[in-house]
């Protein structure tokens, strides 16, 4: 029922910018948080940035000052503005949504991922 669709990935040069978007559909509860994770080849999936329903944000140390996460609640969309991209940012980026239903139940949803490749 719930689908998260990422977009905005691509191949860019180091120092360039990309803006990822994730549109959520079928969400019936409230959004506790939305976030972005990434997984590089041969690596584990790591947190990049999260934003709560109240607007609180948190970032991985490696992206602080370069990436900005934001939401568009009216459209159930989360964005990740990525500036000053580095080759180390190359990964598949996954959208994540924590949905709260009936005020107590939390359900985690994942998007299919979008590839970001940064060339040096």
PDB file of N, CA and C in Angstrom:
ATOM      1  N   UNK A   1       0.816  -1.204   0.000  1.00  0.00           N
ATOM      2  CA  UNK A   1       0.000   0.000   0.000  1.00  0.00           C
ATOM      3  C   UNK A   1       0.850   1.255   0.000  1.00  0.00           C
ATOM      4  N   UNK A   2       1.831   1.292   0.887  1.00  0.00           N
ATOM      5  CA  UNK A   2       2.717   2.442   0.967  1.00  0.00           C
ATOM      6  C   UNK A   2       3.860   2.260  -0.014  1.00  0.00           C
ATOM      7  N   UNK A   3       4.073   3.272  -0.815  1.00  0.00           N
ATOM      8  CA  UNK A   3       5.154   3.255  -1.781  1.00  0.00           C
ATOM      9  C   UNK A   3       5.982   4.524  -1.646  1.00  0.00           C
ATOM     10  N   UNK A   4       7.277   4.348  -1.683  1.00  0.00           N
ATOM     11  CA  UNK A   4       8.206   5.454  -1.689  1.00  0.00           C
ATOM     12  C   UNK A   4       8.972   5.402  -2.998  1.00  0.00           C
ATOM     13  N   UNK A   5       8.941   6.484  -3.730  1.00  0.00           N
ATOM     14  CA  UNK A   5       9.586   6.538  -5.029  1.00  0.00           C
ATOM     15  C   UNK A   5      10.629   7.634  -5.026  1.00  0.00           C
ATOM     16  N   UNK A   6      11.889   7.236  -5.157  1.00  0.00           N
ATOM     17  CA  UNK A   6      12.984   8.195  -5.191  1.00  0.00           C
ATOM     18  C   UNK A   6      13.249   8.656  -6.617  1.00  0.00           C
ATOM     19  N   UNK A   7      13.761   9.851  -6.720  1.00  0.00           N
ATOM     20  CA  UNK A   7      14.153  10.388  -8.011  1.00  0.00           C
ATOM     21  C   UNK A   7      15.259  11.412  -7.795  1.00  0.00           C
ATOM     22  N   UNK A   8      15.927  11.757  -8.859  1.00  0.00           N
ATOM     23  CA  UNK A   8      16.933  12.802  -8.805  1.00  0.00           C
ATOM     24  C   UNK A   8      18.368  12.329  -8.832  1.00  0.00           C
ATOM     25  N   UNK A   9      18.581  11.036  -8.773  1.00  0.00           N
ATOM     26  CA  UNK A   9      19.938  10.530  -8.829  1.00  0.00           C
ATOM     27  C   UNK A   9      20.516  10.669 -10.220  1.00  0.00           C
ATOM     28  N   UNK A  10      21.807  10.443 -10.306  1.00  0.00           N
ATOM     29  CA  UNK A  10      22.464  10.546 -11.590  1.00  0.00           C
ATOM     30  C   UNK A  10      23.961  10.532 -11.458  1.00  0.00           C
ATOM     31  N   UNK A  11      24.610  10.817 -12.562  1.00  0.00           N
ATOM     32  CA  UNK A  11      26.065  10.872 -12.632  1.00  0.00           C
ATOM     33  C   UNK A  11      26.496  12.322 -12.734  1.00  0.00           C
ATOM     34  N   UNK A  12      27.298  12.767 -11.780  1.00  0.00           N
ATOM     35  CA  UNK A  12      27.763  14.148 -11.757  1.00  0.00           C
ATOM     36  C   UNK A  12      29.241  14.185 -11.424  1.00  0.00           C
ATOM     37  N   UNK A  13      29.839  15.329 -11.653  1.00  0.00           N
ATOM     38  CA  UNK A  13      31.231  15.534 -11.319  1.00  0.00           C
ATOM     39  C   UNK A  13      31.378  16.006  -9.883  1.00  0.00           C
ATOM     40  N   UNK A  14      32.520  15.742  -9.314  1.00  0.00           N
ATOM     41  CA  UNK A  14      32.803  16.210  -7.965  1.00  0.00           C
ATOM     42  C   UNK A  14      32.623  17.720  -7.882  1.00  0.00           C
ATOM     43  N   UNK A  15      32.029  18.155  -6.787  1.00  0.00           N
ATOM     44  CA  UNK A  15      31.749  19.560  -6.595  1.00  0.00           C
ATOM     45  C   UNK A  15      30.380  19.984  -7.074  1.00  0.00           C
ATOM     46  N   UNK A  16      29.709  19.120  -7.790  1.00  0.00           N
ATOM     47  CA  UNK A  16      28.380  19.423  -8.301  1.00  0.00           C
ATOM     48  C   UNK A  16      27.320  19.177  -7.239  1.00  0.00           C
ATOM     49  N   UNK A  17      26.089  19.467  -7.613  1.00  0.00           N
ATOM     50  CA  UNK A  17      24.963  19.300  -6.703  1.00  0.00           C
ATOM     51  C   UNK A  17      23.894  18.425  -7.325  1.00  0.00           C
ATOM     52  N   UNK A  18      23.176  17.743  -6.476  1.00  0.00           N
ATOM     53  CA  UNK A  18      22.008  16.975  -6.866  1.00  0.00           C
ATOM     54  C   UNK A  18      20.935  17.170  -5.813  1.00  0.00           C
ATOM     55  N   UNK A  19      19.708  17.058  -6.236  1.00  0.00           N
ATOM     56  CA  UNK A  19      18.591  17.124  -5.307  1.00  0.00           C
ATOM     57  C   UNK A  19      17.745  15.877  -5.468  1.00  0.00           C
ATOM     58  N   UNK A  20      17.761  15.059  -4.450  1.00  0.00           N
ATOM     59  CA  UNK A  20      16.965  13.852  -4.449  1.00  0.00           C
ATOM     60  C   UNK A  20      15.583  14.141  -3.882  1.00  0.00           C
ATOM     61  N   UNK A  21      14.606  13.460  -4.414  1.00  0.00           N
ATOM     62  CA  UNK A  21      13.249  13.596  -3.917  1.00  0.00           C
ATOM     63  C   UNK A  21      12.655  12.216  -3.696  1.00  0.00           C
ATOM     64  N   UNK A  22      11.796  12.127  -2.730  1.00  0.00           N
ATOM     65  CA  UNK A  22      11.108  10.886  -2.426  1.00  0.00           C
ATOM     66  C   UNK A  22       9.647  11.203  -2.162  1.00  0.00           C
ATOM     67  N   UNK A  23       8.792  10.660  -2.976  1.00  0.00           N
ATOM     68  CA  UNK A  23       7.364  10.874  -2.838  1.00  0.00           C
ATOM     69  C   UNK A  23       6.717   9.648  -2.208  1.00  0.00           C
ATOM     70  N   UNK A  24       5.999   9.868  -1.146  1.00  0.00           N
ATOM     71  CA  UNK A  24       5.322   8.791  -0.440  1.00  0.00           C
ATOM     72  C   UNK A  24       3.848   8.793  -0.787  1.00  0.00           C
ATOM     73  N   UNK A  25       3.331   7.622  -1.043  1.00  0.00           N
ATOM     74  CA  UNK A  25       1.914   7.472  -1.322  1.00  0.00           C
ATOM     75  C   UNK A  25       1.345   6.350  -0.466  1.00  0.00           C
ATOM     76  N   UNK A  26       0.078   6.435  -0.185  1.00  0.00           N
ATOM     77  CA  UNK A  26      -0.588   5.405   0.583  1.00  0.00           C
ATOM     78  C   UNK A  26      -0.357   5.471   2.074  1.00  0.00           C
ATOM     79  N   UNK A  27       0.208   6.550   2.567  1.00  0.00           N
ATOM     80  CA  UNK A  27       0.457   6.702   3.994  1.00  0.00           C
ATOM     81  C   UNK A  27      -0.833   7.149   4.668  1.00  0.00           C
ATOM     82  N   UNK A  28      -1.299   6.366   5.621  1.00  0.00           N
ATOM     83  CA  UNK A  28      -2.554   6.675   6.294  1.00  0.00           C
ATOM     84  C   UNK A  28      -2.344   7.235   7.690  1.00  0.00           C
ATOM     85  N   UNK A  29      -1.200   6.986   8.266  1.00  0.00           N
ATOM     86  CA  UNK A  29      -0.895   7.504   9.579  1.00  0.00           C
ATOM     87  C   UNK A  29      -0.074   8.774   9.488  1.00  0.00           C
ATOM     88  N   UNK A  30       0.462   9.161  10.610  1.00  0.00           N
ATOM     89  CA  UNK A  30       1.324  10.328  10.652  1.00  0.00           C
ATOM     90  C   UNK A  30       2.765   9.907  10.410  1.00  0.00           C
ATOM     91  N   UNK A  31       3.560  10.842   9.948  1.00  0.00           N
ATOM     92  CA  UNK A  31       4.958  10.559   9.685  1.00  0.00           C
ATOM     93  C   UNK A  31       5.800  10.956  10.887  1.00  0.00           C
ATOM     94  N   UNK A  32       6.321   9.962  11.567  1.00  0.00           N
ATOM     95  CA  UNK A  32       7.234  10.246  12.661  1.00  0.00           C
ATOM     96  C   UNK A  32       8.523  10.855  12.147  1.00  0.00           C
ATOM     97  N   UNK A  33       8.995  10.299  11.044  1.00  0.00           N
ATOM     98  CA  UNK A  33      10.249  10.770  10.482  1.00  0.00           C
ATOM     99  C   UNK A  33      10.398  10.265   9.063  1.00  0.00           C
ATOM    100  N   UNK A  34      11.168  10.984   8.297  1.00  0.00           N
ATOM    101  CA  UNK A  34      11.597  10.528   6.991  1.00  0.00           C
ATOM    102  C   UNK A  34      13.098  10.731   6.900  1.00  0.00           C
ATOM    103  N   UNK A  35      13.728   9.903   6.130  1.00  0.00           N
ATOM    104  CA  UNK A  35      15.166  10.018   6.060  1.00  0.00           C
ATOM    105  C   UNK A  35      15.741   9.434   4.794  1.00  0.00           C
ATOM    106  N   UNK A  36      17.032   9.617   4.678  1.00  0.00           N
ATOM    107  CA  UNK A  36      17.792   9.080   3.565  1.00  0.00           C
ATOM    108  C   UNK A  36      18.927   8.232   4.095  1.00  0.00           C
ATOM    109  N   UNK A  37      19.103   7.088   3.499  1.00  0.00           N
ATOM    110  CA  UNK A  37      20.209   6.202   3.773  1.00  0.00           C
ATOM    111  C   UNK A  37      20.940   5.951   2.466  1.00  0.00           C
ATOM    112  N   UNK A  38      22.169   5.497   2.575  1.00  0.00           N
ATOM    113  CA  UNK A  38      22.903   5.174   1.370  1.00  0.00           C
ATOM    114  C   UNK A  38      23.747   3.928   1.586  1.00  0.00           C
ATOM    115  N   UNK A  39      23.983   3.242   0.496  1.00  0.00           N
ATOM    116  CA  UNK A  39      24.775   2.031   0.535  1.00  0.00           C
ATOM    117  C   UNK A  39      25.714   2.017  -0.659  1.00  0.00           C
ATOM    118  N   UNK A  40      26.989   2.085  -0.376  1.00  0.00           N
ATOM    119  CA  UNK A  40      28.008   2.012  -1.405  1.00  0.00           C
ATOM    120  C   UNK A  40      28.323   0.551  -1.694  1.00  0.00           C
ATOM    121  N   UNK A  41      28.895   0.277  -2.851  1.00  0.00           N
ATOM    122  CA  UNK A  41      29.226  -1.106  -3.191  1.00  0.00           C
ATOM    123  C   UNK A  41      30.098  -1.765  -2.130  1.00  0.00           C
ATOM    124  N   UNK A  42      29.677  -2.918  -1.671  1.00  0.00           N
ATOM    125  CA  UNK A  42      30.431  -3.647  -0.675  1.00  0.00           C
ATOM    126  C   UNK A  42      30.362  -3.088   0.718  1.00  0.00           C
ATOM    127  N   UNK A  43      29.513  -2.088   0.937  1.00  0.00           N
ATOM    128  CA  UNK A  43      29.404  -1.447   2.237  1.00  0.00           C
ATOM    129  C   UNK A  43      28.013  -1.653   2.824  1.00  0.00           C
ATOM    130  N   UNK A  44      27.897  -1.358   4.100  1.00  0.00           N
ATOM    131  CA  UNK A  44      26.612  -1.437   4.768  1.00  0.00           C
ATOM    132  C   UNK A  44      25.781  -0.205   4.450  1.00  0.00           C
ATOM    133  N   UNK A  45      24.501  -0.306   4.705  1.00  0.00           N
ATOM    134  CA  UNK A  45      23.616   0.823   4.509  1.00  0.00           C
ATOM    135  C   UNK A  45      23.708   1.751   5.713  1.00  0.00           C
ATOM    136  N   UNK A  46      24.022   3.001   5.465  1.00  0.00           N
ATOM    137  CA  UNK A  46      24.245   3.968   6.537  1.00  0.00           C
ATOM    138  C   UNK A  46      23.260   5.122   6.458  1.00  0.00           C
ATOM    139  N   UNK A  47      22.978   5.673   7.613  1.00  0.00           N
ATOM    140  CA  UNK A  47      22.125   6.850   7.695  1.00  0.00           C
ATOM    141  C   UNK A  47      22.834   8.053   7.106  1.00  0.00           C
ATOM    142  N   UNK A  48      22.117   8.816   6.307  1.00  0.00           N
ATOM    143  CA  UNK A  48      22.622  10.064   5.759  1.00  0.00           C
ATOM    144  C   UNK A  48      22.000  11.243   6.487  1.00  0.00           C
ATOM    145  N   UNK A  49      20.686  11.276   6.537  1.00  0.00           N
ATOM    146  CA  UNK A  49      19.978  12.378   7.172  1.00  0.00           C
ATOM    147  C   UNK A  49      18.567  11.945   7.502  1.00  0.00           C
ATOM    148  N   UNK A  50      18.030  12.503   8.573  1.00  0.00           N
ATOM    149  CA  UNK A  50      16.646  12.254   8.943  1.00  0.00           C
ATOM    150  C   UNK A  50      15.992  13.567   9.336  1.00  0.00           C
ATOM    151  N   UNK A  51      14.693  13.593   9.212  1.00  0.00           N
ATOM    152  CA  UNK A  51      13.915  14.742   9.656  1.00  0.00           C
ATOM    153  C   UNK A  51      12.639  14.218  10.293  1.00  0.00           C
ATOM    154  N   UNK A  52      12.316  14.718  11.460  1.00  0.00           N
ATOM    155  CA  UNK A  52      11.126  14.280  12.165  1.00  0.00           C
ATOM    156  C   UNK A  52       9.925  15.086  11.718  1.00  0.00           C
ATOM    157  N   UNK A  53       8.752  14.618  12.143  1.00  0.00           N
ATOM    158  CA  UNK A  53       7.546  15.353  11.834  1.00  0.00           C
ATOM    159  C   UNK A  53       7.541  16.746  12.407  1.00  0.00           C
ATOM    160  N   UNK A  54       8.296  16.951  13.468  1.00  0.00           N
ATOM    161  CA  UNK A  54       8.402  18.261  14.072  1.00  0.00           C
ATOM    162  C   UNK A  54       9.467  19.140  13.461  1.00  0.00           C
ATOM    163  N   UNK A  55      10.188  18.611  12.473  1.00  0.00           N
ATOM    164  CA  UNK A  55      11.176  19.407  11.776  1.00  0.00           C
ATOM    165  C   UNK A  55      12.597  19.275  12.291  1.00  0.00           C
ATOM    166  N   UNK A  56      12.808  18.451  13.287  1.00  0.00           N
ATOM    167  CA  UNK A  56      14.152  18.242  13.790  1.00  0.00           C
ATOM    168  C   UNK A  56      14.960  17.412  12.802  1.00  0.00           C
ATOM    169  N   UNK A  57      16.176  17.826  12.547  1.00  0.00           N
ATOM    170  CA  UNK A  57      17.027  17.131  11.587  1.00  0.00           C
ATOM    171  C   UNK A  57      18.278  16.593  12.248  1.00  0.00           C
ATOM    172  N   UNK A  58      18.831  15.579  11.629  1.00  0.00           N
ATOM    173  CA  UNK A  58      20.087  15.010  12.069  1.00  0.00           C
ATOM    174  C   UNK A  58      20.818  14.493  10.839  1.00  0.00           C
ATOM    175  N   UNK A  59      22.139  14.623  10.855  1.00  0.00           N
ATOM    176  CA  UNK A  59      22.944  14.265   9.703  1.00  0.00           C
ATOM    177  C   UNK A  59      24.131  13.420  10.107  1.00  0.00           C
ATOM    178  N   UNK A  60      24.543  12.586   9.184  1.00  0.00           N
ATOM    179  CA  UNK A  60      25.804  11.898   9.358  1.00  0.00           C
ATOM    180  C   UNK A  60      26.933  12.918   9.320  1.00  0.00           C
ATOM    181  N   UNK A  61      27.971  12.673  10.095  1.00  0.00           N
ATOM    182  CA  UNK A  61      29.078  13.618  10.155  1.00  0.00           C
ATOM    183  C   UNK A  61      29.686  13.874   8.781  1.00  0.00           C
ATOM    184  N   UNK A  62      29.689  12.876   7.941  1.00  0.00           N
ATOM    185  CA  UNK A  62      30.332  12.993   6.647  1.00  0.00           C
ATOM    186  C   UNK A  62      29.610  13.935   5.686  1.00  0.00           C
ATOM    187  N   UNK A  63      28.364  14.276   5.984  1.00  0.00           N
ATOM    188  CA  UNK A  63      27.598  15.124   5.073  1.00  0.00           C
ATOM    189  C   UNK A  63      27.186  16.442   5.695  1.00  0.00           C
ATOM    190  N   UNK A  64      27.486  16.650   6.958  1.00  0.00           N
ATOM    191  CA  UNK A  64      27.114  17.894   7.613  1.00  0.00           C
ATOM    192  C   UNK A  64      27.735  19.084   6.890  1.00  0.00           C
ATOM    193  N   UNK A  65      26.927  20.096   6.687  1.00  0.00           N
ATOM    194  CA  UNK A  65      27.381  21.278   5.992  1.00  0.00           C
ATOM    195  C   UNK A  65      27.271  21.189   4.490  1.00  0.00           C
ATOM    196  N   UNK A  66      27.021  19.998   3.967  1.00  0.00           N
ATOM    197  CA  UNK A  66      26.907  19.816   2.523  1.00  0.00           C
ATOM    198  C   UNK A  66      25.506  19.384   2.099  1.00  0.00           C
ATOM    199  N   UNK A  67      24.874  18.569   2.906  1.00  0.00           N
ATOM    200  CA  UNK A  67      23.553  18.040   2.573  1.00  0.00           C
ATOM    201  C   UNK A  67      22.492  18.698   3.449  1.00  0.00           C
ATOM    202  N   UNK A  68      21.308  18.855   2.891  1.00  0.00           N
ATOM    203  CA  UNK A  68      20.183  19.399   3.630  1.00  0.00           C
ATOM    204  C   UNK A  68      18.943  18.568   3.343  1.00  0.00           C
ATOM    205  N   UNK A  69      18.291  18.128   4.390  1.00  0.00           N
ATOM    206  CA  UNK A  69      17.063  17.360   4.239  1.00  0.00           C
ATOM    207  C   UNK A  69      15.876  18.262   4.552  1.00  0.00           C
ATOM    208  N   UNK A  70      14.811  18.094   3.812  1.00  0.00           N
ATOM    209  CA  UNK A  70      13.609  18.877   4.028  1.00  0.00           C
ATOM    210  C   UNK A  70      12.403  18.063   3.605  1.00  0.00           C
ATOM    211  N   UNK A  71      11.238  18.474   4.064  1.00  0.00           N
ATOM    212  CA  UNK A  71      10.009  17.769   3.737  1.00  0.00           C
ATOM    213  C   UNK A  71       8.967  18.716   3.185  1.00  0.00           C
ATOM    214  N   UNK A  72       8.095  18.145   2.411  1.00  0.00           N
ATOM    215  CA  UNK A  72       6.917  18.835   1.910  1.00  0.00           C
ATOM    216  C   UNK A  72       5.743  17.984   2.352  1.00  0.00           C
ATOM    217  N   UNK A  73       5.221  18.291   3.526  1.00  0.00           N
ATOM    218  CA  UNK A  73       4.178  17.451   4.103  1.00  0.00           C
ATOM    219  C   UNK A  73       2.897  17.435   3.281  1.00  0.00           C
ATOM    220  N   UNK A  74       2.622  18.525   2.633  1.00  0.00           N
ATOM    221  CA  UNK A  74       1.412  18.596   1.821  1.00  0.00           C
ATOM    222  C   UNK A  74       1.431  17.568   0.698  1.00  0.00           C
ATOM    223  N   UNK A  75       2.627  17.226   0.241  1.00  0.00           N
ATOM    224  CA  UNK A  75       2.769  16.259  -0.836  1.00  0.00           C
ATOM    225  C   UNK A  75       3.461  14.982  -0.379  1.00  0.00           C
ATOM    226  N   UNK A  76       3.654  14.851   0.935  1.00  0.00           N
ATOM    227  CA  UNK A  76       4.341  13.684   1.482  1.00  0.00           C
ATOM    228  C   UNK A  76       5.635  13.401   0.744  1.00  0.00           C
ATOM    229  N   UNK A  77       6.448  14.414   0.684  1.00  0.00           N
ATOM    230  CA  UNK A  77       7.691  14.332  -0.057  1.00  0.00           C
ATOM    231  C   UNK A  77       8.856  14.777   0.817  1.00  0.00           C
ATOM    232  N   UNK A  78       9.947  14.068   0.701  1.00  0.00           N
ATOM    233  CA  UNK A  78      11.175  14.452   1.381  1.00  0.00           C
ATOM    234  C   UNK A  78      12.245  14.690   0.327  1.00  0.00           C
ATOM    235  N   UNK A  79      13.064  15.698   0.568  1.00  0.00           N
ATOM    236  CA  UNK A  79      14.124  16.059  -0.362  1.00  0.00           C
ATOM    237  C   UNK A  79      15.472  15.972   0.331  1.00  0.00           C
ATOM    238  N   UNK A  80      16.472  15.731  -0.454  1.00  0.00           N
ATOM    239  CA  UNK A  80      17.841  15.772   0.025  1.00  0.00           C
ATOM    240  C   UNK A  80      18.653  16.599  -0.949  1.00  0.00           C
ATOM    241  N   UNK A  81      18.967  17.812  -0.544  1.00  0.00           N
ATOM    242  CA  UNK A  81      19.816  18.667  -1.345  1.00  0.00           C
ATOM    243  C   UNK A  81      21.259  18.324  -1.045  1.00  0.00           C
ATOM    244  N   UNK A  82      21.977  17.907  -2.049  1.00  0.00           N
ATOM    245  CA  UNK A  82      23.354  17.477  -1.888  1.00  0.00           C
ATOM    246  C   UNK A  82      24.260  18.430  -2.647  1.00  0.00           C
ATOM    247  N   UNK A  83      25.079  19.147  -1.918  1.00  0.00           N
ATOM    248  CA  UNK A  83      26.018  20.086  -2.508  1.00  0.00           C
ATOM    249  C   UNK A  83      27.442  19.615  -2.291  1.00  0.00           C
ATOM    250  N   UNK A  84      28.337  20.160  -3.080  1.00  0.00           N
ATOM    251  CA  UNK A  84      29.759  19.832  -2.959  1.00  0.00           C
ATOM    252  C   UNK A  84      29.982  18.329  -2.926  1.00  0.00           C
ATOM    253  N   UNK A  85      29.384  17.655  -3.854  1.00  0.00           N
ATOM    254  CA  UNK A  85      29.455  16.200  -3.871  1.00  0.00           C
ATOM    255  C   UNK A  85      30.876  15.708  -4.066  1.00  0.00           C
ATOM    256  N   UNK A  86      31.165  14.621  -3.409  1.00  0.00           N
ATOM    257  CA  UNK A  86      32.471  13.988  -3.467  1.00  0.00           C
ATOM    258  C   UNK A  86      32.337  12.577  -4.015  1.00  0.00           C
ATOM    259  N   UNK A  87      33.402  12.038  -4.581  1.00  0.00           N
ATOM    260  CA  UNK A  87      33.333  10.645  -5.032  1.00  0.00           C
ATOM    261  C   UNK A  87      32.910   9.682  -3.927  1.00  0.00           C
ATOM    262  N   UNK A  88      33.254  10.000  -2.696  1.00  0.00           N
ATOM    263  CA  UNK A  88      32.874   9.164  -1.569  1.00  0.00           C
ATOM    264  C   UNK A  88      31.370   9.122  -1.341  1.00  0.00           C
ATOM    265  N   UNK A  89      30.643  10.048  -1.947  1.00  0.00           N
ATOM    266  CA  UNK A  89      29.192  10.068  -1.824  1.00  0.00           C
ATOM    267  C   UNK A  89      28.516   9.082  -2.770  1.00  0.00           C
ATOM    268  N   UNK A  90      29.282   8.483  -3.653  1.00  0.00           N
ATOM    269  CA  UNK A  90      28.730   7.529  -4.600  1.00  0.00           C
ATOM    270  C   UNK A  90      28.089   6.360  -3.860  1.00  0.00           C
ATOM    271  N   UNK A  91      26.834   6.129  -4.147  1.00  0.00           N
ATOM    272  CA  UNK A  91      26.084   5.076  -3.473  1.00  0.00           C
ATOM    273  C   UNK A  91      24.679   5.026  -4.037  1.00  0.00           C
ATOM    274  N   UNK A  92      23.963   3.998  -3.653  1.00  0.00           N
ATOM    275  CA  UNK A  92      22.535   3.969  -3.876  1.00  0.00           C
ATOM    276  C   UNK A  92      21.878   4.617  -2.674  1.00  0.00           C
ATOM    277  N   UNK A  93      21.056   5.596  -2.923  1.00  0.00           N
ATOM    278  CA  UNK A  93      20.397   6.332  -1.859  1.00  0.00           C
ATOM    279  C   UNK A  93      18.966   5.846  -1.713  1.00  0.00           C
ATOM    280  N   UNK A  94      18.606   5.523  -0.485  1.00  0.00           N
ATOM    281  CA  UNK A  94      17.293   4.974  -0.187  1.00  0.00           C
ATOM    282  C   UNK A  94      16.491   5.921   0.690  1.00  0.00           C
ATOM    283  N   UNK A  95      15.257   6.099   0.334  1.00  0.00           N
ATOM    284  CA  UNK A  95      14.334   6.879   1.136  1.00  0.00           C
ATOM    285  C   UNK A  95      13.716   5.982   2.202  1.00  0.00           C
ATOM    286  N   UNK A  96      13.524   6.541   3.365  1.00  0.00           N
ATOM    287  CA  UNK A  96      12.965   5.808   4.490  1.00  0.00           C
ATOM    288  C   UNK A  96      11.872   6.636   5.146  1.00  0.00           C
ATOM    289  N   UNK A  97      10.805   5.971   5.533  1.00  0.00           N
ATOM    290  CA  UNK A  97       9.705   6.643   6.206  1.00  0.00           C
ATOM    291  C   UNK A  97       9.265   5.829   7.408  1.00  0.00           C
ATOM    292  N   UNK A  98       9.161   6.493   8.532  1.00  0.00           N
ATOM    293  CA  UNK A  98       8.643   5.878   9.740  1.00  0.00           C
ATOM    294  C   UNK A  98       7.228   6.398   9.944  1.00  0.00           C
ATOM    295  N   UNK A  99       6.278   5.507   9.789  1.00  0.00           N
ATOM    296  CA  UNK A  99       4.865   5.848   9.879  1.00  0.00           C
ATOM    297  C   UNK A  99       4.311   5.402  11.214  1.00  0.00           C
ATOM    298  N   UNK A 100       3.560   6.279  11.829  1.00  0.00           N
ATOM    299  CA  UNK A 100       2.896   5.941  13.081  1.00  0.00           C
ATOM    300  C   UNK A 100       1.391   5.845  12.843  1.00  0.00           C
ATOM    301  N   UNK A 101       0.842   4.710  13.218  1.00  0.00           N
ATOM    302  CA  UNK A 101      -0.583   4.480  13.090  1.00  0.00           C
ATOM    303  C   UNK A 101      -1.215   4.284  14.458  1.00  0.00           C
ATOM    304  N   UNK A 102      -2.409   4.810  14.611  1.00  0.00           N
ATOM    305  CA  UNK A 102      -3.159   4.713  15.863  1.00  0.00           C
ATOM    306  C   UNK A 102      -2.383   5.272  17.045  1.00  0.00           C
ATOM    307  N   UNK A 103      -1.433   6.106  16.762  1.00  0.00           N
ATOM    308  CA  UNK A 103      -0.683   6.763  17.806  1.00  0.00           C
ATOM    309  C   UNK A 103       0.379   5.930  18.477  1.00  0.00           C
ATOM    310  N   UNK A 104       0.450   4.627  18.163  1.00  0.00           N
ATOM    311  CA  UNK A 104       1.403   3.772  18.854  1.00  0.00           C
ATOM    312  C   UNK A 104       2.207   2.877  17.926  1.00  0.00           C
ATOM    313  N   UNK A 105       1.641   2.484  16.819  1.00  0.00           N
ATOM    314  CA  UNK A 105       2.315   1.556  15.923  1.00  0.00           C
ATOM    315  C   UNK A 105       3.243   2.297  14.969  1.00  0.00           C
ATOM    316  N   UNK A 106       4.452   1.797  14.859  1.00  0.00           N
ATOM    317  CA  UNK A 106       5.431   2.365  13.952  1.00  0.00           C
ATOM    318  C   UNK A 106       5.759   1.359  12.863  1.00  0.00           C
ATOM    319  N   UNK A 107       5.703   1.809  11.637  1.00  0.00           N
ATOM    320  CA  UNK A 107       5.981   0.970  10.485  1.00  0.00           C
ATOM    321  C   UNK A 107       7.058   1.645   9.647  1.00  0.00           C
ATOM    322  N   UNK A 108       8.055   0.867   9.263  1.00  0.00           N
ATOM    323  CA  UNK A 108       9.157   1.382   8.478  1.00  0.00           C
ATOM    324  C   UNK A 108       8.959   1.011   7.016  1.00  0.00           C
ATOM    325  N   UNK A 109       9.094   1.994   6.151  1.00  0.00           N
ATOM    326  CA  UNK A 109       8.974   1.785   4.719  1.00  0.00           C
ATOM    327  C   UNK A 109      10.258   2.219   4.028  1.00  0.00           C
ATOM    328  N   UNK A 110      10.575   1.525   2.958  1.00  0.00           N
ATOM    329  CA  UNK A 110      11.772   1.823   2.176  1.00  0.00           C
ATOM    330  C   UNK A 110      11.428   2.025   0.714  1.00  0.00           C
ATOM    331  N   UNK A 111      12.141   2.936   0.097  1.00  0.00           N
ATOM    332  CA  UNK A 111      12.047   3.092  -1.335  1.00  0.00           C
ATOM    333  C   UNK A 111      12.963   2.112  -2.033  1.00  0.00           C
ATOM    334  N   UNK A 112      12.926   2.125  -3.348  1.00  0.00           N
ATOM    335  CA  UNK A 112      13.717   1.174  -4.118  1.00  0.00           C
ATOM    336  C   UNK A 112      15.153   1.630  -4.331  1.00  0.00           C
ATOM    337  N   UNK A 113      15.424   2.879  -4.058  1.00  0.00           N
ATOM    338  CA  UNK A 113      16.765   3.407  -4.190  1.00  0.00           C
ATOM    339  C   UNK A 113      16.996   4.130  -5.500  1.00  0.00           C
ATOM    340  N   UNK A 114      17.887   5.088  -5.460  1.00  0.00           N
ATOM    341  CA  UNK A 114      18.302   5.801  -6.655  1.00  0.00           C
ATOM    342  C   UNK A 114      19.818   5.941  -6.639  1.00  0.00           C
ATOM    343  N   UNK A 115      20.430   5.697  -7.771  1.00  0.00           N
ATOM    344  CA  UNK A 115      21.882   5.685  -7.862  1.00  0.00           C
ATOM    345  C   UNK A 115      22.436   7.096  -7.974  1.00  0.00           C
ATOM    346  N   UNK A 116      23.419   7.379  -7.151  1.00  0.00           N
ATOM    347  CA  UNK A 116      24.177   8.619  -7.237  1.00  0.00           C
ATOM    348  C   UNK A 116      25.628   8.257  -7.478  1.00  0.00           C
ATOM    349  N   UNK A 117      26.177   8.746  -8.563  1.00  0.00           N
ATOM    350  CA  UNK A 117      27.566   8.483  -8.892  1.00  0.00           C
ATOM    351  C   UNK A 117      28.287   9.810  -9.071  1.00  0.00           C
ATOM    352  N   UNK A 118      29.363   9.987  -8.338  1.00  0.00           N
ATOM    353  CA  UNK A 118      30.136  11.217  -8.382  1.00  0.00           C
ATOM    354  C   UNK A 118      31.523  10.891  -8.909  1.00  0.00           C
ATOM    355  N   UNK A 119      31.865  11.467 -10.027  1.00  0.00           N
ATOM    356  CA  UNK A 119      33.164  11.238 -10.638  1.00  0.00           C
ATOM    357  C   UNK A 119      34.144  12.318 -10.214  1.00  0.00           C
ATOM    358  N   UNK A 120      35.402  11.959 -10.136  1.00  0.00           N
ATOM    359  CA  UNK A 120      36.433  12.899  -9.742  1.00  0.00           C
ATOM    360  C   UNK A 120      37.013  13.613 -10.945  1.00  0.00           C
TER     361      UNK A 120
END
